[in-house]
Amino acid sequence: MFYRRLIFPSAALAICLGFLMMKGMAAVGASFFAYIFLVPMFHFFIYEINHPKEYFFYHNMGLSKLHLWFNTIGWSLIVGLILIVV
């Protein structure tokens, strides 16, 4: 539930940015590179600015704010790097 809010808007914007900035095959790599940076930005804007009280919901589930941030950054790096290499 936490990551669904981050994945789709980040992926859509990353793909758009990749194709606007580059042409051809480099656009795909640029999209995934943009994805690595956009996921933490969306995390910040959605959960820190717009809905800061939702952290209490995740805290009650046993997930700290630090845990959520590390997972967000880690998964964006893993997904982005895997897709850049492939």
Protein backbone atom coordinates (compact mmCIF):
# COMPACT_ATOMS: atom_id res chain seq x y z
CA MET A 1 0.00 0.00 0.00
CA PHE A 2 2.84 2.37 0.85
CA TYR A 3 4.76 1.81 -2.37
CA ARG A 4 1.75 1.82 -4.70
CA ARG A 5 1.46 5.56 -4.22
CA LEU A 6 5.08 5.99 -5.27
CA ILE A 7 5.58 3.52 -8.12
CA PHE A 8 3.02 4.56 -10.71
CA PRO A 9 3.47 8.36 -10.67
CA SER A 10 7.26 7.99 -10.50
CA ALA A 11 7.37 5.52 -13.38
CA ALA A 12 5.07 7.61 -15.57
CA LEU A 13 7.04 10.79 -15.02
CA ALA A 14 10.38 8.99 -15.45
CA ILE A 15 9.31 7.53 -18.79
CA CYS A 16 8.09 10.93 -19.99
CA LEU A 17 11.31 12.62 -18.89
CA GLY A 18 13.44 9.92 -20.47
CA PHE A 19 11.78 10.27 -23.84
CA LEU A 20 11.78 14.06 -23.71
CA MET A 21 15.48 14.26 -22.83
CA MET A 22 16.86 11.52 -25.05
CA LYS A 23 16.07 9.93 -28.35
CA GLY A 24 16.13 6.28 -29.31
CA MET A 25 17.51 3.55 -27.08
CA ALA A 26 19.16 6.03 -24.71
CA ALA A 27 15.68 7.17 -23.70
CA VAL A 28 14.97 3.87 -21.98
CA GLY A 29 18.15 4.08 -19.90
CA ALA A 30 17.46 7.72 -19.10
CA SER A 31 13.95 6.78 -17.95
CA PHE A 32 15.21 4.25 -15.46
CA PHE A 33 17.94 6.60 -14.29
CA ALA A 34 15.25 9.25 -13.69
CA TYR A 35 13.17 6.64 -11.83
CA ILE A 36 15.97 6.17 -9.28
CA PHE A 37 15.73 9.84 -8.32
CA LEU A 38 12.00 10.37 -8.69
CA VAL A 39 10.85 7.69 -6.24
CA PRO A 40 12.51 9.35 -3.21
CA MET A 41 11.24 12.74 -4.40
CA PHE A 42 7.68 11.45 -4.60
CA HIS A 43 8.13 9.84 -1.17
CA PHE A 44 9.11 13.22 0.22
CA PHE A 45 6.29 15.15 -1.41
CA ILE A 46 3.56 12.62 -0.68
CA TYR A 47 4.44 11.50 2.84
CA GLU A 48 6.44 14.39 4.29
CA ILE A 49 4.49 17.33 2.91
CA ASN A 50 0.99 16.21 1.91
CA HIS A 51 0.24 13.37 4.36
CA PRO A 52 2.69 13.46 7.29
CA LYS A 53 0.21 11.85 9.69
CA GLU A 54 0.16 8.63 7.66
CA TYR A 55 3.48 7.73 9.24
CA PHE A 56 1.50 6.90 12.41
CA PHE A 57 -0.43 4.26 10.46
CA TYR A 58 2.79 2.60 9.28
CA HIS A 59 4.37 3.01 12.71
CA ASN A 60 1.47 1.07 14.23
CA MET A 61 2.21 -1.68 11.72
CA GLY A 62 5.79 -1.84 13.01
CA LEU A 63 7.43 0.22 10.27
CA SER A 64 9.42 3.26 11.33
CA LYS A 65 9.92 6.35 9.23
CA LEU A 66 13.59 5.49 8.81
CA HIS A 67 12.69 1.95 7.68
CA LEU A 68 10.29 3.33 5.07
CA TRP A 69 12.91 5.77 3.76
CA PHE A 70 15.62 3.09 3.51
CA ASN A 71 13.26 0.75 1.70
CA THR A 72 12.17 3.48 -0.70
CA ILE A 73 15.73 4.39 -1.62
CA GLY A 74 16.85 0.76 -1.73
CA TRP A 75 14.03 -0.46 -3.95
CA SER A 76 14.33 2.49 -6.31
CA LEU A 77 18.04 1.74 -6.72
CA ILE A 78 17.47 -1.99 -7.22
CA VAL A 79 14.65 -1.59 -9.74
CA GLY A 80 16.35 1.25 -11.60
CA LEU A 81 19.72 -0.45 -11.84
CA ILE A 82 18.25 -3.78 -12.89
CA LEU A 83 16.24 -2.14 -15.63
CA ILE A 84 19.19 -0.03 -16.80
CA VAL A 85 21.36 -3.13 -17.14
CA VAL A 86 18.69 -5.18 -18.88
